[in-house]
Amino acid sequence: MTRVSSLRMLLKGTVTGLALSLAAPALAETTIVMAVEADFSRMNPAASRTWNTFKVVRHIFESFVEEDLTKGGDAVPEIVPALAESWEISEDGKSYTFHLRKGVTFHDGTPWNAEAAKFNLDRMTNPEFEYFVPASPGLMGWVWMDLVGYEVVDEYTFRIDLKQPNAEFLRRLTAGGSGAPRMVSPEAVKTYGNDGIEDHPIGTGPFKFVERVVGEKLVIARNDAYWNPERIPKADAIVLRGIPEVVTRELALMSGEVDMIGTPSPDSIETLQAQGMQIVTGPSPMVYVLWLNTKDEHFDDARVRKAACMAINREDMAKYQRKGFAIPAWGILNPGGPGYDPAFRDCDYDPEGARALLAEAGYPDGFETRMDWTFGGGSDVNTKGDAEWLQRDLEKVGIRASIEMFDNNTFWDMMSAGMREGTGLTSASWGESTFAWLDQVVTTTALPPSCCNSGYYDNPEIDRLLSEARASATQEALDGKLHEMRDIIAADMPFTTYYAANSVYALAPNVSGFVLAPQHWVDLTGLTKE
């Protein structure tokens, strides 16, 4: 039975039961209920994970600067002032002086100023600080790896010093998903502690935290005192629900229990449109990465890793698995990110050549291995289907892989620990509009127990090239260093990719004000409904 026919049958018989299981308390007329692809991790920015979590975190907490996600289109979002009204960069590119916005308070009334900025930098980077977050260095090296110091210049001036120029530093301050350089109320941390702040997340953002019921919902409400009148939310509240099962998300939308959902199944788009739902889709920097375990008894041979790359029919996977809402991907650089070249190939689809490589490596009859997989998080759909597709392609060349599935938060804890003994392959969606994510995936500083060089690829040359890319004075020089790094990884093959997916949302017909920028997260302040 196809997913579409399954969905139609479920619509006829189970909407009442769904309404009972997903029923929420009576809500204000301007409350938007949004179902996303997985539950959320920690509400402590310095220790948070996953794009779904950052979709919430970025509305409660803010940074010195932000990406303007209120405009659509294909261009990388503009960096705009946020908790800093303006900034200056020294001639050598190593010092950033932020002139902080005056009159801003955290949701608990604590003033925002340079001392609050220092408190937060101490939490993220200073192991001697009373409120230091131990998870932060492993999660957030991509932001602070060039940091050498910071200081309060005066009440509303704060300076950050780097050991080298970083061409992406400002944009990295806007990002999240593996930690987030966002500002938390110092008084809230002192009152509740580092653990308690997760239940009392207090920032300066356009939404305030209301409540969280783990596994059920997370509620945020409009901050009427928000400093930027143009981004005071139009809705009274947003209720976010993590619903991993895509059919359940779709049913919740069509039954009216939720107002919008992330990532409907490509198979269901026509059915949703026939029910009057709006489909909003656009480009994203998201790419699906395949980690190959360089410590595994089979995949420690680069020929075996190359054979796995050659076994994957990427064209058909994008066409049939994502129904055209994706494009094939090769290599470690992602569409929408710096250095991307759509003509680059790290391997060709060549099952016969893959079998020959395996025989050359001593596996003429192939071998057995295991794939560790997640049911998915932000913008993921049917990742088990992806695993099964890859399983079939790999089996055709002699790599017989079993599949073990894990919920998203458990999976990311495993990624920090490194692939288990006996696991040869794992995968997750990643890719950013910066190359910051590569600092979390391919470098030696991201080797286990840090996140997420989970296949144990140990090559200091990659660290050097990424450092030089960060310090590049021109886009041409930056791209050149990334291409050198890409080519080394293509030869060693500790990673490959298989497709890059569009962002897709489905909205009820009475919802308006949703803008989809080419990013993994969205701005919810303009959402409203009739």
Protein backbone atom coordinates (compact mmCIF):
# COMPACT_ATOMS: atom_id res chain seq x y z
CA MET A 1 0.00 0.00 0.00
CA THR A 2 1.35 3.45 -0.86
CA ARG A 3 1.75 6.17 1.75
CA VAL A 4 -0.93 8.26 0.00
CA SER A 5 -3.56 5.52 0.08
CA SER A 6 -2.56 4.70 3.65
CA LEU A 7 -3.04 8.33 4.60
CA ARG A 8 -6.45 8.49 2.93
CA MET A 9 -7.63 5.37 4.79
CA LEU A 10 -6.37 6.74 8.09
CA LEU A 11 -8.18 10.00 7.45
CA LYS A 12 -11.47 8.11 7.16
CA GLY A 13 -11.07 6.08 10.32
CA THR A 14 -8.76 7.61 12.85
CA VAL A 15 -9.21 11.38 12.97
CA THR A 16 -11.40 11.13 16.08
CA GLY A 17 -8.80 9.06 17.91
CA LEU A 18 -6.08 11.44 16.82
CA ALA A 19 -8.04 14.39 18.12
CA LEU A 20 -8.28 12.72 21.51
CA SER A 21 -4.58 11.85 21.62
CA LEU A 22 -3.36 15.28 20.51
CA ALA A 23 -6.03 17.44 22.13
CA ALA A 24 -4.63 20.57 23.74
CA PRO A 25 -6.14 22.82 26.41
CA ALA A 26 -8.36 25.66 25.26
CA LEU A 27 -6.06 28.10 23.50
CA ALA A 28 -6.23 31.76 22.57
CA GLU A 29 -7.62 32.51 19.14
CA THR A 30 -4.22 33.68 17.94
CA THR A 31 -2.34 30.62 19.10
CA ILE A 32 -0.48 28.76 16.34
CA VAL A 33 0.11 25.04 16.87
CA MET A 34 3.11 23.76 14.93
CA ALA A 35 4.19 20.12 14.66
CA VAL A 36 7.87 19.48 13.97
CA GLU A 37 9.79 16.33 13.20
CA ALA A 38 11.17 15.43 16.64
CA ASP A 39 11.04 16.44 20.27
CA PHE A 40 13.40 19.09 21.57
CA SER A 41 16.67 18.82 23.44
CA ARG A 42 17.89 21.17 26.19
CA MET A 43 16.56 24.71 26.45
CA ASN A 44 20.00 25.81 27.66
CA PRO A 45 21.55 27.39 24.54
CA ALA A 46 25.14 26.47 25.38
CA ALA A 47 24.15 22.80 25.72
CA SER A 48 21.32 22.56 23.17
CA ARG A 49 21.28 20.30 20.14
CA THR A 50 19.35 19.82 16.89
CA TRP A 51 17.78 22.25 14.45
CA ASN A 52 14.32 21.64 15.88
CA THR A 53 15.56 22.84 19.26
CA PHE A 54 17.21 25.89 17.72
CA LYS A 55 13.91 26.81 16.06
CA VAL A 56 12.69 27.49 19.60
CA VAL A 57 15.96 28.67 21.18
CA ARG A 58 16.46 31.47 18.64
CA HIS A 59 13.07 32.97 19.54
CA ILE A 60 13.71 33.00 23.30
CA PHE A 61 17.41 33.91 23.34
CA GLU A 62 19.40 36.30 21.16
CA SER A 63 22.98 36.97 20.11
CA PHE A 64 24.94 40.11 19.24
CA VAL A 65 23.74 39.76 15.65
CA GLU A 66 21.04 37.78 13.83
CA GLU A 67 20.18 36.52 10.38
CA ASP A 68 17.20 38.32 8.88
CA LEU A 69 14.80 35.45 8.17
CA THR A 70 11.82 37.73 7.51
CA LYS A 71 12.61 37.73 3.79
CA GLY A 72 12.32 34.75 1.48
CA GLY A 73 14.20 34.03 -1.70
CA ASP A 74 17.34 32.07 -2.48
CA ALA A 75 20.02 34.42 -1.14
CA VAL A 76 21.90 33.71 2.09
CA PRO A 77 20.07 35.76 4.77
CA GLU A 78 21.52 39.16 5.67
CA ILE A 79 23.27 39.64 9.02
CA VAL A 80 21.54 42.40 11.00
CA PRO A 81 22.06 44.05 14.41
CA ALA A 82 20.42 42.40 17.42
CA LEU A 83 21.74 42.76 20.98
CA ALA A 84 24.54 44.81 19.45
CA GLU A 85 23.39 47.96 17.67
CA SER A 86 26.65 48.15 15.73
CA TRP A 87 30.16 46.73 15.70
CA GLU A 88 33.66 47.48 14.51
CA ILE A 89 36.25 45.02 13.21
CA SER A 90 39.92 45.85 13.67
CA GLU A 91 42.12 46.30 10.61
CA ASP A 92 43.81 42.95 11.23
CA GLY A 93 40.39 41.24 11.51
CA LYS A 94 41.15 39.86 14.96
CA SER A 95 39.07 42.10 17.25
CA TYR A 96 35.32 42.72 17.25
CA THR A 97 34.03 45.63 19.31
CA PHE A 98 30.27 45.39 19.87
CA HIS A 99 28.25 48.46 20.84
CA LEU A 100 25.40 46.96 22.80
CA ARG A 101 21.77 47.94 22.54
CA LYS A 102 20.63 50.06 25.48
CA GLY A 103 17.33 49.68 27.30
CA VAL A 104 17.00 45.94 26.65
CA THR A 105 16.03 43.64 29.51
CA PHE A 106 15.79 39.89 29.83
CA HIS A 107 12.33 38.43 30.34
CA ASP A 108 12.89 38.48 34.12
CA GLY A 109 13.82 42.18 34.14
CA THR A 110 17.59 41.67 34.34
CA PRO A 111 19.35 44.38 32.29
CA TRP A 112 21.29 43.48 29.18
CA ASN A 113 24.75 45.05 29.19
CA ALA A 114 28.43 44.19 28.78
CA GLU A 115 28.59 42.43 32.16
CA ALA A 116 25.76 40.15 31.02
CA ALA A 117 27.69 39.47 27.81
CA LYS A 118 30.80 38.56 29.80
CA PHE A 119 28.76 36.30 32.09
CA ASN A 120 27.54 34.39 29.05
CA LEU A 121 30.97 34.14 27.41
CA ASP A 122 32.31 32.82 30.74
CA ARG A 123 29.55 30.20 30.81
CA MET A 124 30.47 29.02 27.32
CA THR A 125 34.26 29.21 27.38
CA ASN A 126 35.78 29.48 30.89
CA PRO A 127 36.15 26.16 32.77
CA GLU A 128 37.02 28.05 35.97
CA PHE A 129 33.73 29.96 35.97
CA GLU A 130 31.18 28.97 38.61
CA TYR A 131 28.42 28.58 36.03
CA PHE A 132 30.52 27.06 33.23
CA VAL A 133 28.59 24.64 30.98
CA PRO A 134 30.77 21.50 30.58
CA ALA A 135 29.06 20.48 27.34
CA SER A 136 29.76 23.80 25.68
CA PRO A 137 33.38 23.32 24.45
CA GLY A 138 32.60 20.03 22.71
CA LEU A 139 29.43 21.39 21.13
CA MET A 140 30.56 24.93 20.35
CA GLY A 141 34.16 24.73 19.16
CA TRP A 142 32.84 25.84 15.78
CA VAL A 143 32.13 29.29 17.29
CA TRP A 144 34.95 29.81 19.77
CA MET A 145 37.92 27.87 18.35
CA ASP A 146 39.71 31.13 17.39
CA LEU A 147 38.91 32.88 20.67
CA VAL A 148 41.79 34.30 22.73
CA GLY A 149 39.95 36.73 25.00
CA TYR A 150 37.08 39.10 25.67
CA GLU A 151 36.48 42.05 27.95
CA VAL A 152 34.02 44.62 29.18
CA VAL A 153 35.12 47.95 27.70
CA ASP A 154 32.35 49.93 29.38
CA GLU A 155 28.73 49.32 30.37
CA TYR A 156 27.54 48.99 26.77
CA THR A 157 30.72 48.06 24.91
CA PHE A 158 32.13 44.54 24.70
CA ARG A 159 35.17 43.32 22.79
CA ILE A 160 36.03 39.83 21.54
CA ASP A 161 39.59 39.02 20.43
CA LEU A 162 40.52 36.19 18.07
CA LYS A 163 43.88 34.57 17.38
CA GLN A 164 43.33 34.97 13.64
CA PRO A 165 40.77 36.57 11.36
CA ASN A 166 37.57 34.58 10.93
CA ALA A 167 35.67 35.46 7.77
CA GLU A 168 32.52 33.80 9.12
CA PHE A 169 32.63 34.91 12.75
CA LEU A 170 29.53 37.13 12.66
CA ARG A 171 27.46 34.57 10.81
CA ARG A 172 28.56 31.86 13.21
CA LEU A 173 27.22 34.01 16.06
CA THR A 174 23.76 33.72 14.45
CA ALA A 175 23.75 29.94 14.12
CA GLY A 176 22.80 26.98 16.29
CA GLY A 177 21.93 23.32 16.35
CA SER A 178 25.09 22.18 18.12
CA GLY A 179 25.12 24.67 20.93
CA ALA A 180 24.10 28.26 20.27
CA PRO A 181 26.02 31.43 21.26
CA ARG A 182 22.93 33.02 22.79
CA MET A 183 22.54 35.20 25.86
CA VAL A 184 20.82 33.88 29.01
CA SER A 185 19.74 36.02 31.96
CA PRO A 186 22.61 35.96 34.49
CA GLU A 187 20.16 36.31 37.38
CA ALA A 188 18.16 33.34 36.10
CA VAL A 189 21.30 31.19 35.98
CA LYS A 190 22.24 32.27 39.51
CA THR A 191 18.72 31.51 40.74
CA TYR A 192 18.09 28.19 39.00
CA GLY A 193 21.61 26.93 38.24
CA ASN A 194 22.87 25.43 34.99
CA ASP A 195 20.50 22.47 35.25
CA GLY A 196 17.48 24.45 36.36
CA ILE A 197 17.79 26.99 33.58
CA GLU A 198 16.51 24.34 31.18
CA ASP A 199 13.14 24.52 32.94
CA HIS A 200 13.32 28.32 33.24
CA PRO A 201 14.86 29.51 29.95
CA ILE A 202 14.99 33.30 30.15
CA GLY A 203 16.37 35.40 27.32
CA THR A 204 15.65 38.70 25.57
CA GLY A 205 13.85 37.36 22.49
CA PRO A 206 10.47 38.09 20.91
CA PHE A 207 8.92 35.09 22.66
CA LYS A 208 8.94 34.10 26.33
CA PHE A 209 9.00 30.53 27.55
CA VAL A 210 5.68 29.40 29.07
CA GLU A 211 5.88 25.65 29.68
CA ARG A 212 7.23 22.38 28.43
CA VAL A 213 5.76 18.92 28.74
CA VAL A 214 8.52 16.62 27.54
CA GLY A 215 7.34 14.46 24.68
CA GLU A 216 4.13 16.45 24.28
CA LYS A 217 4.53 20.18 23.74
CA LEU A 218 6.59 23.32 24.28
CA VAL A 219 4.77 26.66 24.58
CA ILE A 220 6.16 30.14 23.96
CA ALA A 221 4.21 33.42 24.21
CA ARG A 222 4.57 36.89 22.74
CA ASN A 223 6.97 39.26 24.51
CA ASP A 224 4.99 42.52 24.34
CA ALA A 225 8.00 44.42 25.70
CA TYR A 226 10.34 43.18 22.97
CA TRP A 227 12.87 45.84 21.95
CA ASN A 228 12.20 45.59 18.19
CA PRO A 229 8.63 46.71 17.42
CA GLU A 230 8.89 45.31 13.89
CA ARG A 231 9.33 41.77 15.24
CA ILE A 232 6.84 41.74 18.10
CA PRO A 233 4.98 38.50 17.30
CA LYS A 234 1.57 38.70 15.70
CA ALA A 235 0.34 35.53 17.47
CA ASP A 236 -0.30 35.42 21.21
CA ALA A 237 1.44 32.07 21.53
CA ILE A 238 3.10 29.27 19.60
CA VAL A 239 2.65 25.65 20.71
CA LEU A 240 5.33 23.39 19.27
CA ARG A 241 4.89 19.63 19.21
CA GLY A 242 7.46 17.05 18.31
CA ILE A 243 5.66 14.39 16.27
CA PRO A 244 8.21 12.04 14.66
CA GLU A 245 5.67 9.97 12.71
CA VAL A 246 5.06 11.80 9.46
CA VAL A 247 1.57 10.37 8.88
CA THR A 248 0.57 11.43 12.38
CA ARG A 249 1.81 14.97 11.67
CA GLU A 250 -0.15 15.05 8.43
CA LEU A 251 -3.33 13.77 10.08
CA ALA A 252 -2.96 16.31 12.86
CA LEU A 253 -2.87 19.08 10.24
CA MET A 254 -5.83 17.81 8.25
CA SER A 255 -7.94 17.22 11.35
CA GLY A 256 -7.29 20.76 12.57
CA GLU A 257 -5.38 19.73 15.67
CA VAL A 258 -2.30 21.62 14.44
CA ASP A 259 -2.01 24.61 12.14
CA MET A 260 1.22 23.79 10.37
CA ILE A 261 3.77 21.00 10.09
CA GLY A 262 7.36 20.60 9.09
CA THR A 263 8.36 18.18 6.34
CA PRO A 264 5.31 16.29 5.15
CA SER A 265 6.08 13.16 3.16
CA PRO A 266 6.71 13.88 -0.52
CA ASP A 267 4.17 11.14 -1.21
CA SER A 268 1.46 13.14 0.58
CA ILE A 269 1.86 16.56 -1.03
CA GLU A 270 -0.96 16.12 -3.55
CA THR A 271 -3.32 14.77 -0.88
CA LEU A 272 -2.57 17.69 1.42
CA GLN A 273 -3.13 20.19 -1.38
CA ALA A 274 -6.42 18.51 -2.26
CA GLN A 275 -7.47 19.08 1.37
CA GLY A 276 -6.79 22.80 0.90
CA MET A 277 -3.45 22.92 2.67
CA GLN A 278 -0.72 25.36 1.64
CA ILE A 279 2.62 23.84 0.65
CA VAL A 280 5.61 26.11 1.11
CA THR A 281 8.95 24.83 -0.15
CA GLY A 282 12.32 26.28 -1.01
CA PRO A 283 16.07 25.71 -1.05
CA SER A 284 17.94 24.75 2.07
CA PRO A 285 21.62 24.21 2.87
CA MET A 286 20.72 20.76 4.24
CA VAL A 287 22.71 17.79 2.94
CA TYR A 288 22.65 14.15 4.07
CA VAL A 289 26.10 13.04 5.22
CA LEU A 290 27.24 9.41 5.35
CA TRP A 291 29.94 8.74 7.96
CA LEU A 292 32.20 5.73 7.22
CA ASN A 293 33.91 4.20 10.26
CA THR A 294 37.67 4.40 9.71
CA LYS A 295 38.28 2.26 12.84
CA ASP A 296 36.03 -0.57 11.65
CA GLU A 297 37.73 -3.82 10.57
CA HIS A 298 36.23 -3.46 7.09
CA PHE A 299 35.96 0.28 6.57
CA ASP A 300 39.49 1.00 7.78
CA ASP A 301 40.45 0.38 4.12
CA ALA A 302 39.87 3.41 1.86
CA ARG A 303 39.03 1.08 -1.04
CA VAL A 304 36.06 -0.28 0.90
CA ARG A 305 34.91 3.24 1.74
CA LYS A 306 35.20 4.24 -1.93
CA ALA A 307 33.21 1.15 -2.93
CA ALA A 308 30.40 2.20 -0.60
CA CYS A 309 30.35 5.62 -2.26
CA MET A 310 30.23 4.06 -5.73
CA ALA A 311 27.34 1.78 -4.74
CA ILE A 312 24.84 4.61 -4.17
CA ASN A 313 22.42 5.55 -6.95
CA ARG A 314 22.01 9.20 -5.92
CA GLU A 315 20.02 10.31 -8.96
CA ASP A 316 17.28 7.76 -8.38
CA MET A 317 17.34 8.31 -4.63
CA ALA A 318 16.58 12.04 -4.99
CA LYS A 319 14.00 11.39 -7.71
CA TYR A 320 12.05 8.56 -6.08
CA GLN A 321 12.82 8.71 -2.36
CA ARG A 322 12.24 12.46 -2.04
CA LYS A 323 10.01 12.75 -5.14
CA GLY A 324 12.10 15.54 -6.59
CA PHE A 325 12.14 17.63 -3.39
CA ALA A 326 15.91 17.01 -3.30
CA ILE A 327 18.93 16.95 -5.57
CA PRO A 328 21.75 14.38 -5.65
CA ALA A 329 24.81 15.31 -3.59
CA TRP A 330 28.47 14.35 -3.78
CA GLY A 331 31.45 15.32 -1.64
CA ILE A 332 31.51 17.11 1.69
CA LEU A 333 30.50 20.64 0.60
CA ASN A 334 26.80 21.40 0.61
CA PRO A 335 24.52 23.40 -1.70
CA GLY A 336 23.91 26.81 -0.18
CA GLY A 337 27.28 26.75 1.57
CA PRO A 338 30.63 28.31 0.60
CA GLY A 339 32.77 26.51 -1.95
CA TYR A 340 29.96 24.36 -3.34
CA ASP A 341 30.49 23.20 -6.94
CA PRO A 342 27.49 21.37 -8.47
CA ALA A 343 29.79 19.68 -11.00
CA PHE A 344 32.02 18.04 -8.37
CA ARG A 345 31.91 14.25 -7.94
CA ASP A 346 33.77 12.29 -5.26
CA CYS A 347 32.74 9.06 -7.01
CA ASP A 348 30.57 7.82 -9.85
CA TYR A 349 27.68 5.41 -9.52
CA ASP A 350 29.46 2.21 -10.55
CA PRO A 351 28.30 -1.02 -8.84
CA GLU A 352 30.60 -3.15 -10.99
CA GLY A 353 33.58 -1.00 -10.11
CA ALA A 354 32.57 -1.12 -6.43
CA ARG A 355 32.56 -4.94 -6.48
CA ALA A 356 36.01 -4.92 -8.07
CA LEU A 357 37.33 -2.60 -5.35
CA LEU A 358 35.92 -4.84 -2.63
CA ALA A 359 37.59 -7.87 -4.20
CA GLU A 360 40.87 -5.97 -4.41
CA ALA A 361 40.54 -5.12 -0.70
CA GLY A 362 40.09 -8.82 0.14
CA TYR A 363 36.29 -9.08 0.16
CA PRO A 364 35.33 -10.87 -3.09
CA ASP A 365 32.20 -12.20 -1.36
CA GLY A 366 31.50 -8.97 0.50
CA PHE A 367 30.93 -8.77 4.25
CA GLU A 368 28.37 -7.96 6.93
CA THR A 369 28.16 -4.72 8.89
CA ARG A 370 25.68 -2.50 10.70
CA MET A 371 24.13 0.92 10.06
CA ASP A 372 23.13 3.10 13.04
CA TRP A 373 20.35 5.49 12.01
CA THR A 374 18.02 8.09 13.48
CA PHE A 375 14.30 8.50 12.87
CA GLY A 376 15.25 12.10 12.22
CA GLY A 377 14.93 15.66 13.43
CA GLY A 378 14.49 19.02 11.73
CA SER A 379 13.48 18.73 8.05
CA ASP A 380 13.94 14.94 8.05
CA VAL A 381 11.30 12.57 6.72
CA ASN A 382 11.31 8.79 6.25
CA THR A 383 14.97 8.46 7.19
CA LYS A 384 14.37 4.75 7.75
CA GLY A 385 13.40 4.63 4.07
CA ASP A 386 16.72 6.31 3.26
CA ALA A 387 18.54 3.65 5.27
CA GLU A 388 16.65 0.88 3.50
CA TRP A 389 17.45 2.41 0.09
CA LEU A 390 21.15 2.57 0.94
CA GLN A 391 20.97 -0.94 2.40
CA ARG A 392 19.67 -2.26 -0.95
CA ASP A 393 22.31 -0.37 -2.97
CA LEU A 394 25.11 -1.58 -0.69
CA GLU A 395 23.87 -5.17 -0.77
CA LYS A 396 24.06 -5.17 -4.57
CA VAL A 397 27.84 -4.79 -4.33
CA GLY A 398 28.27 -7.23 -1.42
CA ILE A 399 28.05 -4.97 1.66
CA ARG A 400 25.28 -6.58 3.71
CA ALA A 401 24.22 -4.09 6.39
CA SER A 402 21.66 -4.46 9.14
CA ILE A 403 19.89 -1.30 10.37
CA GLU A 404 19.34 -0.12 13.95
CA MET A 405 17.11 2.92 14.49
CA PHE A 406 17.31 5.45 17.35
CA ASP A 407 15.31 8.50 18.40
CA ASN A 408 16.98 11.76 17.47
CA ASN A 409 18.29 12.86 20.88
CA THR A 410 19.70 9.41 21.69
CA PHE A 411 21.32 9.30 18.27
CA TRP A 412 23.17 12.58 18.80
CA ASP A 413 24.44 11.42 22.18
CA MET A 414 25.82 8.37 20.36
CA MET A 415 27.41 10.57 17.69
CA SER A 416 29.49 12.32 20.35
CA ALA A 417 30.66 8.95 21.67
CA GLY A 418 31.70 7.76 18.20
CA MET A 419 30.39 4.86 16.15
CA ARG A 420 29.99 1.63 18.08
CA GLU A 421 32.14 -1.39 17.45
CA GLY A 422 30.55 -3.30 14.59
CA THR A 423 28.91 -0.21 13.07
CA GLY A 424 30.34 0.65 9.68
CA LEU A 425 28.08 3.48 8.56
CA THR A 426 25.82 6.13 10.02
CA SER A 427 24.09 9.18 8.62
CA ALA A 428 22.37 12.44 9.52
CA SER A 429 21.36 15.66 7.83
CA TRP A 430 23.69 18.61 8.24
CA GLY A 431 25.11 21.41 6.12
CA GLU A 432 24.94 25.14 6.87
CA SER A 433 25.12 28.48 5.12
CA THR A 434 28.55 28.72 6.78
CA PHE A 435 31.20 26.00 6.77
CA ALA A 436 31.09 25.99 10.59
CA TRP A 437 29.47 22.57 10.51
CA LEU A 438 32.65 21.10 9.02
CA ASP A 439 34.50 22.13 12.18
CA GLN A 440 32.03 19.84 13.99
CA VAL A 441 32.29 16.91 11.59
CA VAL A 442 35.66 16.51 9.88
CA THR A 443 38.26 17.98 12.26
CA THR A 444 40.45 16.30 14.87
CA THR A 445 38.97 18.60 17.51
CA ALA A 446 35.60 16.96 16.82
CA LEU A 447 36.88 13.41 17.42
CA PRO A 448 34.95 11.47 20.11
CA PRO A 449 34.00 12.30 22.82
CA SER A 450 33.43 15.66 21.13
CA CYS A 451 30.77 15.95 18.46
CA CYS A 452 30.73 14.80 15.67
CA ASN A 453 33.68 13.27 13.83
CA SER A 454 32.02 10.00 14.71
CA GLY A 455 33.91 7.83 12.22
CA TYR A 456 37.29 8.70 13.81
CA TYR A 457 38.82 10.43 10.79
CA ASP A 458 42.11 11.80 12.12
CA ASN A 459 43.80 14.15 9.67
CA PRO A 460 45.43 17.37 11.03
CA GLU A 461 45.80 18.61 7.45
CA ILE A 462 42.03 19.12 7.39
CA ASP A 463 42.27 21.24 10.55
CA ARG A 464 44.93 23.40 8.93
CA LEU A 465 42.94 23.97 5.74
CA LEU A 466 39.76 24.88 7.62
CA SER A 467 41.72 27.28 9.82
CA GLU A 468 43.20 28.91 6.73
CA ALA A 469 39.74 29.07 5.15
CA ARG A 470 38.42 30.93 8.21
CA ALA A 471 41.31 33.39 7.99
CA SER A 472 40.88 34.02 4.23
CA ALA A 473 40.70 37.64 3.13
CA THR A 474 38.62 36.93 0.01
CA GLN A 475 35.84 34.58 -0.99
CA GLU A 476 38.07 33.16 -3.73
CA ALA A 477 40.78 32.27 -1.21
CA LEU A 478 38.23 30.79 1.18
CA ASP A 479 36.68 28.63 -1.55
CA GLY A 480 40.15 27.49 -2.63
CA LYS A 481 41.00 26.18 0.84
CA LEU A 482 37.64 24.45 1.08
CA HIS A 483 38.25 22.79 -2.29
CA GLU A 484 41.63 21.48 -1.09
CA MET A 485 39.93 20.07 1.99
CA ARG A 486 37.11 18.59 -0.11
CA ASP A 487 39.55 16.84 -2.45
CA ILE A 488 41.53 15.26 0.41
CA ILE A 489 38.33 13.93 1.94
CA ALA A 490 37.20 12.63 -1.45
CA ALA A 491 40.45 10.65 -1.72
CA ASP A 492 40.33 9.31 1.84
CA MET A 493 36.52 8.86 1.74
CA PRO A 494 35.70 9.02 5.48
CA PHE A 495 32.53 10.89 4.47
CA THR A 496 30.32 11.22 1.45
CA THR A 497 26.86 12.66 0.86
CA TYR A 498 23.89 11.36 -1.08
CA TYR A 499 21.23 14.06 -1.45
CA ALA A 500 20.42 17.64 -0.48
CA ALA A 501 16.79 18.23 0.45
CA ASN A 502 14.52 21.25 0.11
CA SER A 503 12.69 22.63 3.11
CA VAL A 504 8.97 21.81 2.98
CA TYR A 505 6.17 23.02 5.26
CA ALA A 506 2.42 22.46 5.08
CA LEU A 507 0.05 25.06 6.53
CA ALA A 508 -3.68 25.21 7.13
CA PRO A 509 -5.48 27.56 4.72
CA ASN A 510 -6.20 30.13 7.46
CA VAL A 511 -2.54 30.58 8.44
CA SER A 512 -0.63 33.52 7.01
CA GLY A 513 2.60 35.42 7.51
CA PHE A 514 4.94 32.44 7.11
CA VAL A 515 8.19 33.24 5.30
CA LEU A 516 10.64 30.53 4.27
CA ALA A 517 14.23 31.70 4.06
CA PRO A 518 16.98 29.38 2.75
CA GLN A 519 17.94 28.21 6.23
CA HIS A 520 17.20 25.30 8.59
CA TRP A 521 15.22 27.47 10.97
CA VAL A 522 12.47 30.02 10.45
CA ASP A 523 11.19 33.28 11.92
CA LEU A 524 7.86 32.68 13.66
CA THR A 525 7.14 36.30 14.59
CA GLY A 526 5.02 37.02 11.49
CA LEU A 527 2.73 34.00 11.86
CA THR A 528 -0.98 34.58 12.38
CA LYS A 529 -4.28 33.00 11.44
CA GLU A 530 -7.82 34.06 10.75
